[in-house]
C-alpha atoms as a PDB file:
ATOM      1  CA  MET A   1      86.938 125.578 110.073  1.00  0.00           C
ATOM      2  CA  THR A   2      85.450 123.046 112.486  1.00  0.00           C
ATOM      3  CA  SER A   3      83.998 119.653 111.577  1.00  0.00           C
ATOM      4  CA  LEU A   4      80.563 121.112 112.352  1.00  0.00           C
ATOM      5  CA  ASP A   5      81.147 123.780 109.702  1.00  0.00           C
ATOM      6  CA  MET A   6      82.271 121.040 107.298  1.00  0.00           C
ATOM      7  CA  ALA A   7      78.967 119.210 107.751  1.00  0.00           C
ATOM      8  CA  ASN A   8      77.213 122.271 106.317  1.00  0.00           C
ATOM      9  CA  ILE A   9      79.308 122.266 103.133  1.00  0.00           C
ATOM     10  CA  SER A  10      77.419 121.002 100.106  1.00  0.00           C
ATOM     11  CA  GLY A  11      78.403 121.054  96.449  1.00  0.00           C
ATOM     12  CA  THR A  12      81.596 121.123  94.458  1.00  0.00           C
ATOM     13  CA  ILE A  13      84.988 121.180  96.157  1.00  0.00           C
ATOM     14  CA  LEU A  14      88.255 122.158  94.493  1.00  0.00           C
ATOM     15  CA  ALA A  15      91.516 120.956  95.989  1.00  0.00           C
ATOM     16  CA  PHE A  16      94.990 122.384  95.467  1.00  0.00           C
ATOM     17  CA  ASP A  17      98.419 120.815  95.833  1.00  0.00           C
ATOM     18  CA  PHE A  18     100.453 124.018  96.019  1.00  0.00           C
ATOM     19  CA  GLY A  19     103.991 124.103  94.709  1.00  0.00           C
ATOM     20  CA  LEU A  20     106.346 126.900  93.776  1.00  0.00           C
ATOM     21  CA  LYS A  21     106.514 125.772  90.123  1.00  0.00           C
ATOM     22  CA  ARG A  22     103.167 124.036  89.658  1.00  0.00           C
ATOM     23  CA  ILE A  23      99.811 123.766  91.403  1.00  0.00           C
ATOM     24  CA  GLY A  24      97.839 120.553  91.101  1.00  0.00           C
ATOM     25  CA  VAL A  25      94.062 120.865  91.052  1.00  0.00           C
ATOM     26  CA  ALA A  26      91.409 118.240  91.737  1.00  0.00           C
ATOM     27  CA  VAL A  27      87.626 118.361  91.899  1.00  0.00           C
ATOM     28  CA  GLY A  28      84.962 116.449  93.758  1.00  0.00           C
ATOM     29  CA  ASN A  29      81.574 116.976  95.303  1.00  0.00           C
ATOM     30  CA  THR A  30      80.021 116.341  98.656  1.00  0.00           C
ATOM     31  CA  LEU A  31      77.386 113.977  97.246  1.00  0.00           C
ATOM     32  CA  ILE A  32      79.634 111.389  95.605  1.00  0.00           C
ATOM     33  CA  ARG A  33      82.694 112.151  97.784  1.00  0.00           C
ATOM     34  CA  GLN A  34      85.093 110.985  95.093  1.00  0.00           C
ATOM     35  CA  ALA A  35      88.102 113.113  94.092  1.00  0.00           C
ATOM     36  CA  GLN A  36      89.197 113.401  90.453  1.00  0.00           C
ATOM     37  CA  PRO A  37      92.392 115.020  89.097  1.00  0.00           C
ATOM     38  CA  LEU A  38      91.451 118.152  87.141  1.00  0.00           C
ATOM     39  CA  SER A  39      94.493 120.079  85.926  1.00  0.00           C
ATOM     40  CA  ILE A  40      98.006 121.289  86.583  1.00  0.00           C
ATOM     41  CA  ILE A  41      98.569 125.030  86.729  1.00  0.00           C
ATOM     42  CA  ASN A  42     101.966 125.867  85.296  1.00  0.00           C
ATOM     43  CA  ALA A  43     102.140 129.633  84.753  1.00  0.00           C
ATOM     44  CA  PRO A  44     105.380 131.630  84.885  1.00  0.00           C
ATOM     45  CA  SER A  45     104.065 134.232  87.364  1.00  0.00           C
ATOM     46  CA  ASN A  46     101.901 134.228  90.472  1.00  0.00           C
ATOM     47  CA  GLU A  47      99.423 136.531  88.756  1.00  0.00           C
ATOM     48  CA  GLY A  48      99.220 134.083  85.859  1.00  0.00           C
ATOM     49  CA  LYS A  49      98.520 131.255  88.295  1.00  0.00           C
ATOM     50  CA  PHE A  50      95.807 133.269  90.030  1.00  0.00           C
ATOM     51  CA  GLU A  51      94.208 134.155  86.670  1.00  0.00           C
ATOM     52  CA  ILE A  52      93.863 130.439  85.935  1.00  0.00           C
ATOM     53  CA  ILE A  53      92.552 129.790  89.452  1.00  0.00           C
ATOM     54  CA  ALA A  54      90.000 132.597  89.002  1.00  0.00           C
ATOM     55  CA  ARG A  55      88.712 130.889  85.835  1.00  0.00           C
ATOM     56  CA  LEU A  56      88.482 127.537  87.636  1.00  0.00           C
ATOM     57  CA  ILE A  57      86.588 129.078  90.548  1.00  0.00           C
ATOM     58  CA  GLN A  58      84.239 130.863  88.151  1.00  0.00           C
ATOM     59  CA  GLU A  59      83.627 127.649  86.181  1.00  0.00           C
ATOM     60  CA  TRP A  60      83.203 125.249  89.121  1.00  0.00           C
ATOM     61  CA  GLN A  61      81.679 127.617  91.736  1.00  0.00           C
ATOM     62  CA  PRO A  62      83.148 125.624  94.653  1.00  0.00           C
ATOM     63  CA  ALA A  63      81.469 125.564  98.041  1.00  0.00           C
ATOM     64  CA  LEU A  64      84.931 124.933  99.513  1.00  0.00           C
ATOM     65  CA  CYS A  65      88.575 124.907  98.486  1.00  0.00           C
ATOM     66  CA  VAL A  66      90.894 122.389 100.121  1.00  0.00           C
ATOM     67  CA  VAL A  67      94.619 123.114 100.296  1.00  0.00           C
ATOM     68  CA  GLY A  68      97.207 120.496 101.157  1.00  0.00           C
ATOM     69  CA  LEU A  69      99.369 121.493 104.112  1.00  0.00           C
ATOM     70  CA  PRO A  70     102.849 119.943 104.085  1.00  0.00           C
ATOM     71  CA  MET A  71     104.577 119.252 107.385  1.00  0.00           C
ATOM     72  CA  HIS A  72     107.648 117.441 108.581  1.00  0.00           C
ATOM     73  CA  GLN A  73     106.966 113.821 109.549  1.00  0.00           C
ATOM     74  CA  ASP A  74     106.862 114.852 113.221  1.00  0.00           C
ATOM     75  CA  GLY A  75     104.155 117.451 112.508  1.00  0.00           C
ATOM     76  CA  VAL A  76     106.446 120.470 112.703  1.00  0.00           C
ATOM     77  CA  ALA A  77     105.846 123.243 110.177  1.00  0.00           C
ATOM     78  CA  HIS A  78     108.489 124.246 107.634  1.00  0.00           C
ATOM     79  CA  GLU A  79     108.885 126.877 104.898  1.00  0.00           C
ATOM     80  CA  MET A  80     106.374 125.244 102.520  1.00  0.00           C
ATOM     81  CA  THR A  81     103.830 124.979 105.349  1.00  0.00           C
ATOM     82  CA  VAL A  82     103.896 128.769 105.664  1.00  0.00           C
ATOM     83  CA  ARG A  83     103.725 129.238 101.875  1.00  0.00           C
ATOM     84  CA  CYS A  84     100.704 126.922 101.624  1.00  0.00           C
ATOM     85  CA  GLN A  85      98.949 128.772 104.452  1.00  0.00           C
ATOM     86  CA  ARG A  86      99.609 132.051 102.626  1.00  0.00           C
ATOM     87  CA  PHE A  87      98.263 130.553  99.389  1.00  0.00           C
ATOM     88  CA  ALA A  88      95.101 129.423 101.234  1.00  0.00           C
ATOM     89  CA  ASN A  89      94.689 132.917 102.711  1.00  0.00           C
ATOM     90  CA  GLN A  90      95.077 134.433  99.232  1.00  0.00           C
ATOM     91  CA  LEU A  91      92.406 132.098  97.823  1.00  0.00           C
ATOM     92  CA  HIS A  92      90.041 133.181 100.572  1.00  0.00           C
ATOM     93  CA  GLY A  93      90.916 136.864 100.258  1.00  0.00           C
ATOM     94  CA  ARG A  94      90.772 137.078  96.446  1.00  0.00           C
ATOM     95  CA  TYR A  95      87.740 134.896  95.778  1.00  0.00           C
ATOM     96  CA  GLY A  96      85.836 134.795  99.083  1.00  0.00           C
ATOM     97  CA  VAL A  97      85.801 130.978  99.119  1.00  0.00           C
ATOM     98  CA  LYS A  98      85.775 128.891 102.275  1.00  0.00           C
ATOM     99  CA  ILE A  99      89.072 127.111 102.906  1.00  0.00           C
ATOM    100  CA  ALA A 100      90.025 123.859 104.592  1.00  0.00           C
ATOM    101  CA  LEU A 101      93.636 122.824 105.160  1.00  0.00           C
ATOM    102  CA  VAL A 102      94.442 119.110 104.990  1.00  0.00           C
ATOM    103  CA  ASP A 103      97.595 117.554 106.427  1.00  0.00           C
ATOM    104  CA  GLU A 104      99.317 116.123 103.362  1.00  0.00           C
ATOM    105  CA  ARG A 105     102.241 114.430 105.109  1.00  0.00           C
ATOM    106  CA  TYR A 106     101.335 110.981 103.849  1.00  0.00           C
ATOM    107  CA  SER A 107      99.663 111.814 100.540  1.00  0.00           C
ATOM    108  CA  SER A 108     102.844 111.552  98.468  1.00  0.00           C
ATOM    109  CA  ALA A 109     103.492 108.042  99.792  1.00  0.00           C
ATOM    110  CA  VAL A 110     100.615 106.664  97.701  1.00  0.00           C
ATOM    111  CA  LEU A 111     101.814 108.240  94.443  1.00  0.00           C
ATOM    112  CA  HIS A 112     104.711 106.951  92.403  1.00  0.00           C
ATOM    113  CA  ALA A 113     105.859 109.141  89.523  1.00  0.00           C
ATOM    114  CA  ARG A 114     108.275 108.217  86.808  1.00  0.00           C
ATOM    115  CA  GLN A 115     111.031 110.709  86.167  1.00  0.00           C
ATOM    116  CA  GLY A 116     109.644 113.766  84.383  1.00  0.00           C
ATOM    117  CA  GLU A 117     106.023 112.726  84.954  1.00  0.00           C
ATOM    118  CA  ARG A 118     103.751 115.465  86.315  1.00  0.00           C
ATOM    119  CA  ILE A 119     101.448 114.160  89.043  1.00  0.00           C
ATOM    120  CA  ASP A 120     100.479 117.394  90.780  1.00  0.00           C
ATOM    121  CA  ASP A 121      96.801 116.949  89.836  1.00  0.00           C
ATOM    122  CA  GLN A 122      96.856 113.388  91.183  1.00  0.00           C
ATOM    123  CA  ALA A 123      98.414 114.661  94.427  1.00  0.00           C
ATOM    124  CA  ALA A 124      95.573 117.194  94.700  1.00  0.00           C
ATOM    125  CA  ALA A 125      93.083 114.332  94.221  1.00  0.00           C
ATOM    126  CA  VAL A 126      94.741 112.369  97.048  1.00  0.00           C
ATOM    127  CA  ILE A 127      94.496 115.449  99.285  1.00  0.00           C
ATOM    128  CA  LEU A 128      90.823 115.908  98.411  1.00  0.00           C
ATOM    129  CA  GLN A 129      90.050 112.229  98.961  1.00  0.00           C
ATOM    130  CA  GLN A 130      91.770 112.487 102.332  1.00  0.00           C
ATOM    131  CA  TYR A 131      89.459 115.427 103.145  1.00  0.00           C
ATOM    132  CA  PHE A 132      86.403 113.374 102.156  1.00  0.00           C
ATOM    133  CA  ASP A 133      87.576 110.411 104.211  1.00  0.00           C
ATOM    134  CA  GLN A 134      88.130 112.579 107.313  1.00  0.00           C
ATOM    135  CA  THR A 135      84.783 114.438 107.234  1.00  0.00           C
END
């Protein structure tokens, strides 16, 4: 999606910090442009995760979904990059939502979790705020 396409996006945006165990979710809108942590999806199966995502999409009716795209520090893709791209494609294919990928290389640097603390939703908020700041 080009920056011109992004200018035409208006409304609620959901952001996802995809992980194999958990998926962090954040919400924001194009008017206020402020990201807020929303929830952490922690279902035992992929289908369970997508059932929860379906409910979130139905509830929030997002104009866009943002997915964090992890990369090596030098910008080279790795296994999780491919998994996140697949997750973004599944979101688009299952729910027909527009997707934007956001480079999340530096998003974890601003978050500091204590051992055992779940911050996936906060990571999604950082990714969404990064999207807002770049568009």
